[in-house]
């Protein structure tokens, strides 16, 4: 019986799509995934096919050989006894760690240790910087909002909301069910206290007013656990980046326009002036009730104690502005303004 050419072409195209979808788009790298969930290891990121029904075993390490794209949703793992040997698992299934060291030859290049590559392995982050008067405008009963005054630091400076490893969904790494539920339900005071140095704790109390609501515990449990360092380092790096934002012309623009309206175009232009041409295209405005409530700044690269905010911003992917602009709120309940 003759083969139907259209049907044959359709079959061949489906085979091509299947093979293409399992290709590794991002640069391959050497790391291990410490499994935290019994996820299936599939032959494709698009289909659930899992020959031999391979599942990750929580606590076990697996060799990671690549990702599916620059902002990955899946890791590519190698299973020596499987067929095919290389499989895909979702990034939520575990946390990355440095691959066990091998003995290099005398001329082999030395790769940096995990401690020198702090931050997420994908090295993409979002710095969330709040304009606290706007935050408190619609949340006046929160502890950090009850006694806000024009003299307090957060009246004229950006406040720390968080530093979020990307992509979205990269959260609660290795966190037990109880702590995860407490975080999601807003019962942050019941979360474990953080092991922070005295200097870090004191600074955090100034730049993160939300510590009065134990925001720091929530941010650590949700985002910091995926950052790759201890809690003290995570918050030190967060505050380092926020300080550079607050000493820039961006903060000056907001202070000069308290009680006035700012467009996203002007905010992004201020980032270009402060951190280099194109920086503004990596900034997203988050608005509520006609107010600019937060800046969400895309970052990419290694964050350490000498990191420069401008370089991290310029290395990040571009972001949509989200809202077109809003009012720069002043301390006190002013009432919502129209967009």
C-alpha atoms as a PDB file:
ATOM      1  CA  UNK A   1       0.000   0.000   0.000  1.00  0.00           C
ATOM      2  CA  UNK A   2       1.398   3.413  -0.961  1.00  0.00           C
ATOM      3  CA  UNK A   3       2.389   5.769   1.824  1.00  0.00           C
ATOM      4  CA  UNK A   4       0.333   8.939   2.146  1.00  0.00           C
ATOM      5  CA  UNK A   5       2.911  11.742   1.576  1.00  0.00           C
ATOM      6  CA  UNK A   6       1.139  14.353   3.789  1.00  0.00           C
ATOM      7  CA  UNK A   7       0.862  11.854   6.628  1.00  0.00           C
ATOM      8  CA  UNK A   8       4.517  10.868   6.245  1.00  0.00           C
ATOM      9  CA  UNK A   9       5.604  14.514   6.319  1.00  0.00           C
ATOM     10  CA  UNK A  10       3.535  15.074   9.455  1.00  0.00           C
ATOM     11  CA  UNK A  11       5.174  12.046  11.116  1.00  0.00           C
ATOM     12  CA  UNK A  12       8.693  13.167  10.219  1.00  0.00           C
ATOM     13  CA  UNK A  13       7.969  16.688  11.467  1.00  0.00           C
ATOM     14  CA  UNK A  14       6.740  15.337  14.821  1.00  0.00           C
ATOM     15  CA  UNK A  15       9.953  13.315  15.184  1.00  0.00           C
ATOM     16  CA  UNK A  16      12.015  16.427  14.395  1.00  0.00           C
ATOM     17  CA  UNK A  17      10.124  18.506  16.983  1.00  0.00           C
ATOM     18  CA  UNK A  18      10.648  15.842  19.642  1.00  0.00           C
ATOM     19  CA  UNK A  19      14.379  15.678  19.019  1.00  0.00           C
ATOM     20  CA  UNK A  20      14.693  19.458  18.789  1.00  0.00           C
ATOM     21  CA  UNK A  21      12.861  19.996  22.069  1.00  0.00           C
ATOM     22  CA  UNK A  22      15.334  17.824  23.938  1.00  0.00           C
ATOM     23  CA  UNK A  23      18.378  19.742  22.740  1.00  0.00           C
ATOM     24  CA  UNK A  24      20.448  21.738  25.205  1.00  0.00           C
ATOM     25  CA  UNK A  25      20.163  25.424  24.367  1.00  0.00           C
ATOM     26  CA  UNK A  26      22.234  26.936  27.177  1.00  0.00           C
ATOM     27  CA  UNK A  27      25.918  26.441  27.767  1.00  0.00           C
ATOM     28  CA  UNK A  28      26.710  23.107  29.352  1.00  0.00           C
ATOM     29  CA  UNK A  29      28.317  23.132  32.773  1.00  0.00           C
ATOM     30  CA  UNK A  30      29.515  20.803  35.516  1.00  0.00           C
ATOM     31  CA  UNK A  31      27.435  20.720  38.674  1.00  0.00           C
ATOM     32  CA  UNK A  32      25.378  18.333  40.751  1.00  0.00           C
ATOM     33  CA  UNK A  33      21.702  18.530  41.612  1.00  0.00           C
ATOM     34  CA  UNK A  34      20.815  17.519  45.157  1.00  0.00           C
ATOM     35  CA  UNK A  35      17.314  16.125  44.756  1.00  0.00           C
ATOM     36  CA  UNK A  36      14.609  17.460  47.064  1.00  0.00           C
ATOM     37  CA  UNK A  37      11.554  15.958  45.353  1.00  0.00           C
ATOM     38  CA  UNK A  38      10.900  12.567  43.646  1.00  0.00           C
ATOM     39  CA  UNK A  39      10.515  14.129  40.203  1.00  0.00           C
ATOM     40  CA  UNK A  40      10.393  12.122  36.953  1.00  0.00           C
ATOM     41  CA  UNK A  41      13.395  12.244  34.622  1.00  0.00           C
ATOM     42  CA  UNK A  42      11.943  12.709  31.136  1.00  0.00           C
ATOM     43  CA  UNK A  43      13.539  12.511  27.698  1.00  0.00           C
ATOM     44  CA  UNK A  44      12.008  15.847  26.687  1.00  0.00           C
ATOM     45  CA  UNK A  45      11.028  19.114  28.361  1.00  0.00           C
ATOM     46  CA  UNK A  46       7.786  19.087  26.382  1.00  0.00           C
ATOM     47  CA  UNK A  47       6.579  15.496  26.861  1.00  0.00           C
ATOM     48  CA  UNK A  48       6.203  13.217  29.926  1.00  0.00           C
ATOM     49  CA  UNK A  49       7.944  10.216  28.317  1.00  0.00           C
ATOM     50  CA  UNK A  50      10.076   8.529  30.996  1.00  0.00           C
ATOM     51  CA  UNK A  51      11.532   5.170  29.867  1.00  0.00           C
ATOM     52  CA  UNK A  52      12.168   2.872  32.871  1.00  0.00           C
ATOM     53  CA  UNK A  53      10.096   5.276  35.037  1.00  0.00           C
ATOM     54  CA  UNK A  54      13.139   6.956  36.570  1.00  0.00           C
ATOM     55  CA  UNK A  55      12.417   9.164  39.611  1.00  0.00           C
ATOM     56  CA  UNK A  56      14.839  11.333  41.578  1.00  0.00           C
ATOM     57  CA  UNK A  57      15.607  10.133  45.088  1.00  0.00           C
ATOM     58  CA  UNK A  58      15.507  13.035  47.602  1.00  0.00           C
ATOM     59  CA  UNK A  59      18.936  13.619  49.117  1.00  0.00           C
ATOM     60  CA  UNK A  60      20.818  11.940  46.275  1.00  0.00           C
ATOM     61  CA  UNK A  61      23.208  13.844  43.997  1.00  0.00           C
ATOM     62  CA  UNK A  62      22.879  13.760  40.205  1.00  0.00           C
ATOM     63  CA  UNK A  63      25.324  14.994  37.575  1.00  0.00           C
ATOM     64  CA  UNK A  64      24.062  18.128  35.774  1.00  0.00           C
ATOM     65  CA  UNK A  65      25.333  18.623  32.246  1.00  0.00           C
ATOM     66  CA  UNK A  66      23.233  21.533  30.989  1.00  0.00           C
ATOM     67  CA  UNK A  67      20.057  23.581  30.968  1.00  0.00           C
ATOM     68  CA  UNK A  68      17.323  24.031  28.375  1.00  0.00           C
ATOM     69  CA  UNK A  69      17.828  27.779  27.959  1.00  0.00           C
ATOM     70  CA  UNK A  70      19.517  30.853  29.469  1.00  0.00           C
ATOM     71  CA  UNK A  71      16.672  31.294  31.983  1.00  0.00           C
ATOM     72  CA  UNK A  72      16.091  27.593  32.534  1.00  0.00           C
ATOM     73  CA  UNK A  73      12.957  25.719  33.493  1.00  0.00           C
ATOM     74  CA  UNK A  74      14.760  22.346  33.359  1.00  0.00           C
ATOM     75  CA  UNK A  75      18.165  20.854  34.154  1.00  0.00           C
ATOM     76  CA  UNK A  76      19.690  18.139  31.975  1.00  0.00           C
ATOM     77  CA  UNK A  77      20.982  15.259  34.133  1.00  0.00           C
ATOM     78  CA  UNK A  78      23.055  12.213  33.268  1.00  0.00           C
ATOM     79  CA  UNK A  79      22.019   8.725  34.398  1.00  0.00           C
ATOM     80  CA  UNK A  80      24.701   6.160  33.498  1.00  0.00           C
ATOM     81  CA  UNK A  81      22.337   3.168  33.672  1.00  0.00           C
ATOM     82  CA  UNK A  82      19.446   4.760  31.755  1.00  0.00           C
ATOM     83  CA  UNK A  83      18.596   4.700  28.064  1.00  0.00           C
ATOM     84  CA  UNK A  84      18.859   7.430  26.937  1.00  0.00           C
ATOM     85  CA  UNK A  85      21.403   8.459  29.555  1.00  0.00           C
ATOM     86  CA  UNK A  86      20.614  12.189  29.555  1.00  0.00           C
ATOM     87  CA  UNK A  87      17.218  13.254  30.928  1.00  0.00           C
ATOM     88  CA  UNK A  88      15.375  16.444  31.896  1.00  0.00           C
ATOM     89  CA  UNK A  89      14.030  17.430  35.324  1.00  0.00           C
ATOM     90  CA  UNK A  90      12.337  20.664  36.420  1.00  0.00           C
ATOM     91  CA  UNK A  91      14.520  23.098  38.376  1.00  0.00           C
ATOM     92  CA  UNK A  92      12.107  22.966  41.321  1.00  0.00           C
ATOM     93  CA  UNK A  93      13.144  19.356  41.933  1.00  0.00           C
ATOM     94  CA  UNK A  94      16.351  20.183  43.806  1.00  0.00           C
ATOM     95  CA  UNK A  95      19.191  22.588  44.445  1.00  0.00           C
ATOM     96  CA  UNK A  96      22.484  22.940  42.619  1.00  0.00           C
ATOM     97  CA  UNK A  97      25.895  22.420  44.177  1.00  0.00           C
ATOM     98  CA  UNK A  98      29.425  22.346  42.868  1.00  0.00           C
ATOM     99  CA  UNK A  99      30.428  19.073  41.233  1.00  0.00           C
ATOM    100  CA  UNK A 100      32.929  16.983  43.231  1.00  0.00           C
ATOM    101  CA  UNK A 101      36.483  18.065  42.527  1.00  0.00           C
ATOM    102  CA  UNK A 102      38.708  15.962  40.277  1.00  0.00           C
ATOM    103  CA  UNK A 103      42.471  16.033  40.250  1.00  0.00           C
ATOM    104  CA  UNK A 104      43.460  18.393  37.404  1.00  0.00           C
ATOM    105  CA  UNK A 105      46.602  18.210  35.375  1.00  0.00           C
ATOM    106  CA  UNK A 106      49.331  20.804  36.002  1.00  0.00           C
ATOM    107  CA  UNK A 107      48.199  22.913  33.038  1.00  0.00           C
ATOM    108  CA  UNK A 108      44.451  22.571  33.589  1.00  0.00           C
ATOM    109  CA  UNK A 109      42.570  25.831  34.140  1.00  0.00           C
ATOM    110  CA  UNK A 110      41.289  26.315  37.666  1.00  0.00           C
ATOM    111  CA  UNK A 111      37.543  26.903  37.994  1.00  0.00           C
ATOM    112  CA  UNK A 112      36.331  29.103  40.831  1.00  0.00           C
ATOM    113  CA  UNK A 113      34.969  27.405  43.936  1.00  0.00           C
ATOM    114  CA  UNK A 114      31.297  27.608  44.872  1.00  0.00           C
ATOM    115  CA  UNK A 115      32.127  30.098  47.626  1.00  0.00           C
ATOM    116  CA  UNK A 116      33.470  32.504  45.002  1.00  0.00           C
ATOM    117  CA  UNK A 117      30.347  32.097  42.872  1.00  0.00           C
ATOM    118  CA  UNK A 118      27.806  33.022  45.487  1.00  0.00           C
ATOM    119  CA  UNK A 119      24.289  33.717  44.354  1.00  0.00           C
ATOM    120  CA  UNK A 120      22.147  31.584  42.078  1.00  0.00           C
ATOM    121  CA  UNK A 121      23.890  29.228  39.656  1.00  0.00           C
ATOM    122  CA  UNK A 122      21.969  30.852  36.803  1.00  0.00           C
ATOM    123  CA  UNK A 123      23.250  34.207  38.126  1.00  0.00           C
ATOM    124  CA  UNK A 124      19.984  35.979  37.317  1.00  0.00           C
ATOM    125  CA  UNK A 125      18.293  37.917  40.111  1.00  0.00           C
ATOM    126  CA  UNK A 126      15.727  40.612  40.758  1.00  0.00           C
ATOM    127  CA  UNK A 127      16.386  43.322  43.332  1.00  0.00           C
ATOM    128  CA  UNK A 128      13.010  44.448  44.701  1.00  0.00           C
ATOM    129  CA  UNK A 129      13.279  47.960  46.163  1.00  0.00           C
ATOM    130  CA  UNK A 130      10.141  49.411  47.751  1.00  0.00           C
ATOM    131  CA  UNK A 131       9.035  53.024  48.079  1.00  0.00           C
ATOM    132  CA  UNK A 132       7.764  52.591  51.631  1.00  0.00           C
ATOM    133  CA  UNK A 133       5.271  55.506  51.816  1.00  0.00           C
ATOM    134  CA  UNK A 134       3.385  53.981  48.863  1.00  0.00           C
ATOM    135  CA  UNK A 135       3.535  50.520  50.414  1.00  0.00           C
ATOM    136  CA  UNK A 136       2.082  51.893  53.656  1.00  0.00           C
ATOM    137  CA  UNK A 137      -0.579  53.923  51.859  1.00  0.00           C
ATOM    138  CA  UNK A 138      -2.652  50.785  51.383  1.00  0.00           C
ATOM    139  CA  UNK A 139      -1.278  48.804  54.363  1.00  0.00           C
ATOM    140  CA  UNK A 140      -1.439  51.355  57.151  1.00  0.00           C
ATOM    141  CA  UNK A 141      -2.065  48.790  59.879  1.00  0.00           C
ATOM    142  CA  UNK A 142       1.218  46.955  59.343  1.00  0.00           C
ATOM    143  CA  UNK A 143       3.693  47.384  62.238  1.00  0.00           C
ATOM    144  CA  UNK A 144       6.276  49.032  59.971  1.00  0.00           C
ATOM    145  CA  UNK A 145       3.690  51.565  58.797  1.00  0.00           C
ATOM    146  CA  UNK A 146       2.120  52.685  62.069  1.00  0.00           C
ATOM    147  CA  UNK A 147       4.932  54.978  63.176  1.00  0.00           C
ATOM    148  CA  UNK A 148       6.394  56.070  59.842  1.00  0.00           C
ATOM    149  CA  UNK A 149       7.565  59.700  60.009  1.00  0.00           C
ATOM    150  CA  UNK A 150       9.056  62.167  57.489  1.00  0.00           C
ATOM    151  CA  UNK A 151      12.350  61.925  59.399  1.00  0.00           C
ATOM    152  CA  UNK A 152      12.687  58.169  59.111  1.00  0.00           C
ATOM    153  CA  UNK A 153      15.102  56.803  56.473  1.00  0.00           C
ATOM    154  CA  UNK A 154      12.399  55.012  54.517  1.00  0.00           C
ATOM    155  CA  UNK A 155      10.483  58.261  53.928  1.00  0.00           C
ATOM    156  CA  UNK A 156      13.023  59.379  51.296  1.00  0.00           C
ATOM    157  CA  UNK A 157      15.016  56.259  50.443  1.00  0.00           C
ATOM    158  CA  UNK A 158      14.198  52.953  48.835  1.00  0.00           C
ATOM    159  CA  UNK A 159      13.635  50.088  51.258  1.00  0.00           C
ATOM    160  CA  UNK A 160      14.690  46.488  50.823  1.00  0.00           C
ATOM    161  CA  UNK A 161      11.932  44.091  49.874  1.00  0.00           C
ATOM    162  CA  UNK A 162      14.136  41.270  48.676  1.00  0.00           C
ATOM    163  CA  UNK A 163      16.732  39.784  46.333  1.00  0.00           C
ATOM    164  CA  UNK A 164      15.083  37.061  44.277  1.00  0.00           C
ATOM    165  CA  UNK A 165      16.920  34.295  42.392  1.00  0.00           C
ATOM    166  CA  UNK A 166      15.386  33.725  38.984  1.00  0.00           C
ATOM    167  CA  UNK A 167      13.509  32.358  37.174  1.00  0.00           C
ATOM    168  CA  UNK A 168      10.141  32.852  38.873  1.00  0.00           C
ATOM    169  CA  UNK A 169       9.350  29.704  40.817  1.00  0.00           C
ATOM    170  CA  UNK A 170      12.933  29.211  41.971  1.00  0.00           C
ATOM    171  CA  UNK A 171      11.943  29.435  45.629  1.00  0.00           C
ATOM    172  CA  UNK A 172      11.700  27.525  48.921  1.00  0.00           C
ATOM    173  CA  UNK A 173      14.813  25.464  48.181  1.00  0.00           C
ATOM    174  CA  UNK A 174      15.084  22.609  50.677  1.00  0.00           C
ATOM    175  CA  UNK A 175      12.389  24.157  52.892  1.00  0.00           C
ATOM    176  CA  UNK A 176      10.213  21.822  54.943  1.00  0.00           C
ATOM    177  CA  UNK A 177       6.455  21.779  54.415  1.00  0.00           C
ATOM    178  CA  UNK A 178       5.711  23.465  57.759  1.00  0.00           C
ATOM    179  CA  UNK A 179       7.986  26.459  57.140  1.00  0.00           C
ATOM    180  CA  UNK A 180       6.747  26.747  53.563  1.00  0.00           C
ATOM    181  CA  UNK A 181       3.126  26.926  54.770  1.00  0.00           C
ATOM    182  CA  UNK A 182       3.964  29.475  57.470  1.00  0.00           C
ATOM    183  CA  UNK A 183       5.698  31.665  54.891  1.00  0.00           C
ATOM    184  CA  UNK A 184       2.872  31.478  52.373  1.00  0.00           C
ATOM    185  CA  UNK A 185       0.174  32.167  54.979  1.00  0.00           C
ATOM    186  CA  UNK A 186       1.912  35.274  56.363  1.00  0.00           C
ATOM    187  CA  UNK A 187       2.636  33.766  59.782  1.00  0.00           C
ATOM    188  CA  UNK A 188       6.208  34.944  59.617  1.00  0.00           C
ATOM    189  CA  UNK A 189       6.774  35.332  63.358  1.00  0.00           C
ATOM    190  CA  UNK A 190       6.533  31.556  63.677  1.00  0.00           C
ATOM    191  CA  UNK A 191       9.365  31.013  61.186  1.00  0.00           C
ATOM    192  CA  UNK A 192      12.810  30.169  62.609  1.00  0.00           C
ATOM    193  CA  UNK A 193      14.932  33.105  63.750  1.00  0.00           C
ATOM    194  CA  UNK A 194      17.856  33.896  61.439  1.00  0.00           C
ATOM    195  CA  UNK A 195      21.506  33.566  62.359  1.00  0.00           C
ATOM    196  CA  UNK A 196      22.622  37.116  61.532  1.00  0.00           C
ATOM    197  CA  UNK A 197      25.622  39.041  62.775  1.00  0.00           C
ATOM    198  CA  UNK A 198      24.955  42.045  65.005  1.00  0.00           C
ATOM    199  CA  UNK A 199      26.018  44.530  62.299  1.00  0.00           C
ATOM    200  CA  UNK A 200      23.849  42.886  59.636  1.00  0.00           C
ATOM    201  CA  UNK A 201      20.842  42.771  61.949  1.00  0.00           C
ATOM    202  CA  UNK A 202      21.228  46.444  62.887  1.00  0.00           C
ATOM    203  CA  UNK A 203      21.542  47.617  59.269  1.00  0.00           C
ATOM    204  CA  UNK A 204      18.650  45.455  58.186  1.00  0.00           C
ATOM    205  CA  UNK A 205      16.418  47.092  60.791  1.00  0.00           C
ATOM    206  CA  UNK A 206      17.019  50.421  59.053  1.00  0.00           C
ATOM    207  CA  UNK A 207      16.862  49.516  55.364  1.00  0.00           C
ATOM    208  CA  UNK A 208      14.122  46.874  55.668  1.00  0.00           C
ATOM    209  CA  UNK A 209      11.298  48.362  57.750  1.00  0.00           C
ATOM    210  CA  UNK A 210       9.402  45.129  57.210  1.00  0.00           C
ATOM    211  CA  UNK A 211      11.604  43.483  59.852  1.00  0.00           C
ATOM    212  CA  UNK A 212       8.940  44.762  62.281  1.00  0.00           C
ATOM    213  CA  UNK A 213       6.673  42.186  60.598  1.00  0.00           C
ATOM    214  CA  UNK A 214       9.518  39.620  60.312  1.00  0.00           C
ATOM    215  CA  UNK A 215       9.711  40.125  56.558  1.00  0.00           C
ATOM    216  CA  UNK A 216      13.356  39.051  56.709  1.00  0.00           C
ATOM    217  CA  UNK A 217      12.359  35.551  57.830  1.00  0.00           C
ATOM    218  CA  UNK A 218       9.879  35.232  54.955  1.00  0.00           C
ATOM    219  CA  UNK A 219      12.370  36.538  52.374  1.00  0.00           C
ATOM    220  CA  UNK A 220      15.054  34.142  53.553  1.00  0.00           C
ATOM    221  CA  UNK A 221      12.762  31.103  53.572  1.00  0.00           C
ATOM    222  CA  UNK A 222      11.258  31.873  50.157  1.00  0.00           C
ATOM    223  CA  UNK A 223      14.166  33.394  48.229  1.00  0.00           C
ATOM    224  CA  UNK A 224      17.352  33.302  50.292  1.00  0.00           C
ATOM    225  CA  UNK A 225      17.359  29.521  50.528  1.00  0.00           C
ATOM    226  CA  UNK A 226      17.853  29.452  46.734  1.00  0.00           C
ATOM    227  CA  UNK A 227      20.644  32.050  46.737  1.00  0.00           C
ATOM    228  CA  UNK A 228      23.528  29.731  47.574  1.00  0.00           C
ATOM    229  CA  UNK A 229      24.920  31.336  50.756  1.00  0.00           C
ATOM    230  CA  UNK A 230      24.065  31.654  54.429  1.00  0.00           C
ATOM    231  CA  UNK A 231      21.479  34.179  55.601  1.00  0.00           C
ATOM    232  CA  UNK A 232      24.002  36.781  56.754  1.00  0.00           C
ATOM    233  CA  UNK A 233      25.749  36.840  53.361  1.00  0.00           C
ATOM    234  CA  UNK A 234      22.443  36.920  51.504  1.00  0.00           C
ATOM    235  CA  UNK A 235      21.279  40.028  53.356  1.00  0.00           C
ATOM    236  CA  UNK A 236      24.696  41.708  53.242  1.00  0.00           C
ATOM    237  CA  UNK A 237      24.699  41.390  49.464  1.00  0.00           C
ATOM    238  CA  UNK A 238      21.099  42.609  49.259  1.00  0.00           C
ATOM    239  CA  UNK A 239      21.922  45.696  51.318  1.00  0.00           C
ATOM    240  CA  UNK A 240      25.090  46.380  49.315  1.00  0.00           C
ATOM    241  CA  UNK A 241      23.053  46.595  46.111  1.00  0.00           C
ATOM    242  CA  UNK A 242      20.297  48.645  47.728  1.00  0.00           C
ATOM    243  CA  UNK A 243      22.862  51.115  49.086  1.00  0.00           C
ATOM    244  CA  UNK A 244      24.183  51.727  45.564  1.00  0.00           C
ATOM    245  CA  UNK A 245      20.645  52.412  44.380  1.00  0.00           C
ATOM    246  CA  UNK A 246      20.075  54.841  47.248  1.00  0.00           C
ATOM    247  CA  UNK A 247      23.263  56.783  46.527  1.00  0.00           C
ATOM    248  CA  UNK A 248      22.346  57.195  42.859  1.00  0.00           C
ATOM    249  CA  UNK A 249      20.441  59.793  40.896  1.00  0.00           C
ATOM    250  CA  UNK A 250      17.460  57.439  40.823  1.00  0.00           C
ATOM    251  CA  UNK A 251      16.767  58.027  44.513  1.00  0.00           C
ATOM    252  CA  UNK A 252      17.349  61.759  44.023  1.00  0.00           C
ATOM    253  CA  UNK A 253      14.743  61.755  41.242  1.00  0.00           C
ATOM    254  CA  UNK A 254      12.186  60.172  43.558  1.00  0.00           C
ATOM    255  CA  UNK A 255      12.981  62.517  46.456  1.00  0.00           C
ATOM    256  CA  UNK A 256      12.701  65.575  44.214  1.00  0.00           C
ATOM    257  CA  UNK A 257       9.307  64.390  42.983  1.00  0.00           C
ATOM    258  CA  UNK A 258       7.614  63.435  46.241  1.00  0.00           C
ATOM    259  CA  UNK A 259       3.979  64.373  45.858  1.00  0.00           C
ATOM    260  CA  UNK A 260       4.317  64.468  42.073  1.00  0.00           C
ATOM    261  CA  UNK A 261       3.867  62.022  39.252  1.00  0.00           C
ATOM    262  CA  UNK A 262       6.738  60.211  37.526  1.00  0.00           C
ATOM    263  CA  UNK A 263       6.552  58.352  34.230  1.00  0.00           C
ATOM    264  CA  UNK A 264       8.279  55.046  33.619  1.00  0.00           C
ATOM    265  CA  UNK A 265      10.231  56.789  30.858  1.00  0.00           C
ATOM    266  CA  UNK A 266      11.773  59.266  33.320  1.00  0.00           C
ATOM    267  CA  UNK A 267      12.578  56.542  35.829  1.00  0.00           C
ATOM    268  CA  UNK A 268      14.273  54.439  33.180  1.00  0.00           C
ATOM    269  CA  UNK A 269      16.198  57.472  31.894  1.00  0.00           C
ATOM    270  CA  UNK A 270      17.476  58.065  35.432  1.00  0.00           C
ATOM    271  CA  UNK A 271      18.783  54.485  35.520  1.00  0.00           C
ATOM    272  CA  UNK A 272      20.558  55.092  32.206  1.00  0.00           C
ATOM    273  CA  UNK A 273      22.203  58.211  33.639  1.00  0.00           C
ATOM    274  CA  UNK A 274      23.202  56.520  36.871  1.00  0.00           C
ATOM    275  CA  UNK A 275      24.250  53.050  35.717  1.00  0.00           C
ATOM    276  CA  UNK A 276      24.866  53.234  31.979  1.00  0.00           C
ATOM    277  CA  UNK A 277      22.894  53.361  28.755  1.00  0.00           C
ATOM    278  CA  UNK A 278      20.390  50.512  28.601  1.00  0.00           C
ATOM    279  CA  UNK A 279      20.117  50.052  32.372  1.00  0.00           C
ATOM    280  CA  UNK A 280      16.604  51.477  32.378  1.00  0.00           C
ATOM    281  CA  UNK A 281      15.412  48.712  30.056  1.00  0.00           C
ATOM    282  CA  UNK A 282      16.143  46.242  32.851  1.00  0.00           C
ATOM    283  CA  UNK A 283      13.821  47.972  35.350  1.00  0.00           C
ATOM    284  CA  UNK A 284      10.166  47.227  35.980  1.00  0.00           C
ATOM    285  CA  UNK A 285       7.823  49.517  37.920  1.00  0.00           C
ATOM    286  CA  UNK A 286       5.251  47.948  40.209  1.00  0.00           C
ATOM    287  CA  UNK A 287       2.305  50.279  40.865  1.00  0.00           C
ATOM    288  CA  UNK A 288      -0.725  50.098  43.143  1.00  0.00           C
ATOM    289  CA  UNK A 289      -3.642  52.516  43.521  1.00  0.00           C
ATOM    290  CA  UNK A 290      -1.907  54.935  41.145  1.00  0.00           C
ATOM    291  CA  UNK A 291       1.293  54.944  43.230  1.00  0.00           C
ATOM    292  CA  UNK A 292       4.781  53.690  42.347  1.00  0.00           C
ATOM    293  CA  UNK A 293       5.171  51.079  45.047  1.00  0.00           C
ATOM    294  CA  UNK A 294       8.313  49.254  43.993  1.00  0.00           C
ATOM    295  CA  UNK A 295      11.163  48.978  41.495  1.00  0.00           C
ATOM    296  CA  UNK A 296      12.069  45.478  40.349  1.00  0.00           C
ATOM    297  CA  UNK A 297      15.541  45.590  38.893  1.00  0.00           C
ATOM    298  CA  UNK A 298      16.894  42.762  36.751  1.00  0.00           C
ATOM    299  CA  UNK A 299      20.447  41.620  37.528  1.00  0.00           C
ATOM    300  CA  UNK A 300      22.835  39.049  36.100  1.00  0.00           C
ATOM    301  CA  UNK A 301      26.314  38.025  37.187  1.00  0.00           C
ATOM    302  CA  UNK A 302      28.187  37.052  40.320  1.00  0.00           C
ATOM    303  CA  UNK A 303      27.315  38.984  43.468  1.00  0.00           C
ATOM    304  CA  UNK A 304      30.023  39.336  46.095  1.00  0.00           C
ATOM    305  CA  UNK A 305      31.172  41.966  48.582  1.00  0.00           C
ATOM    306  CA  UNK A 306      32.617  44.115  45.775  1.00  0.00           C
ATOM    307  CA  UNK A 307      29.731  43.792  43.293  1.00  0.00           C
ATOM    308  CA  UNK A 308      28.763  46.872  41.285  1.00  0.00           C
ATOM    309  CA  UNK A 309      25.064  47.379  40.704  1.00  0.00           C
ATOM    310  CA  UNK A 310      25.513  48.978  37.274  1.00  0.00           C
ATOM    311  CA  UNK A 311      27.392  46.041  35.805  1.00  0.00           C
ATOM    312  CA  UNK A 312      24.886  43.554  37.152  1.00  0.00           C
ATOM    313  CA  UNK A 313      21.977  45.535  35.692  1.00  0.00           C
ATOM    314  CA  UNK A 314      23.506  45.899  32.227  1.00  0.00           C
ATOM    315  CA  UNK A 315      24.200  42.146  32.047  1.00  0.00           C
ATOM    316  CA  UNK A 316      20.560  41.264  32.724  1.00  0.00           C
ATOM    317  CA  UNK A 317      17.840  40.546  30.142  1.00  0.00           C
ATOM    318  CA  UNK A 318      15.525  43.411  29.228  1.00  0.00           C
ATOM    319  CA  UNK A 319      12.233  43.738  31.136  1.00  0.00           C
ATOM    320  CA  UNK A 320       8.910  45.360  30.316  1.00  0.00           C
ATOM    321  CA  UNK A 321       8.154  48.503  32.389  1.00  0.00           C
ATOM    322  CA  UNK A 322       4.870  46.942  33.603  1.00  0.00           C
ATOM    323  CA  UNK A 323       3.145  50.176  34.682  1.00  0.00           C
ATOM    324  CA  UNK A 324       3.602  53.441  32.762  1.00  0.00           C
ATOM    325  CA  UNK A 325       4.168  55.560  35.853  1.00  0.00           C
ATOM    326  CA  UNK A 326       2.532  56.811  39.022  1.00  0.00           C
ATOM    327  CA  UNK A 327       2.710  59.160  41.974  1.00  0.00           C
ATOM    328  CA  UNK A 328       5.702  59.308  44.301  1.00  0.00           C
ATOM    329  CA  UNK A 329       3.944  59.093  47.633  1.00  0.00           C
ATOM    330  CA  UNK A 330       4.831  61.002  50.771  1.00  0.00           C
ATOM    331  CA  UNK A 331       4.557  59.787  54.354  1.00  0.00           C
ATOM    332  CA  UNK A 332       1.003  59.619  55.664  1.00  0.00           C
ATOM    333  CA  UNK A 333      -2.328  58.535  54.240  1.00  0.00           C
ATOM    334  CA  UNK A 334      -2.953  60.702  51.191  1.00  0.00           C
ATOM    335  CA  UNK A 335      -5.696  58.693  49.497  1.00  0.00           C
ATOM    336  CA  UNK A 336      -5.374  56.772  46.260  1.00  0.00           C
ATOM    337  CA  UNK A 337      -4.719  58.750  43.107  1.00  0.00           C
ATOM    338  CA  UNK A 338      -5.885  57.908  39.623  1.00  0.00           C
ATOM    339  CA  UNK A 339      -3.330  56.496  37.215  1.00  0.00           C
END
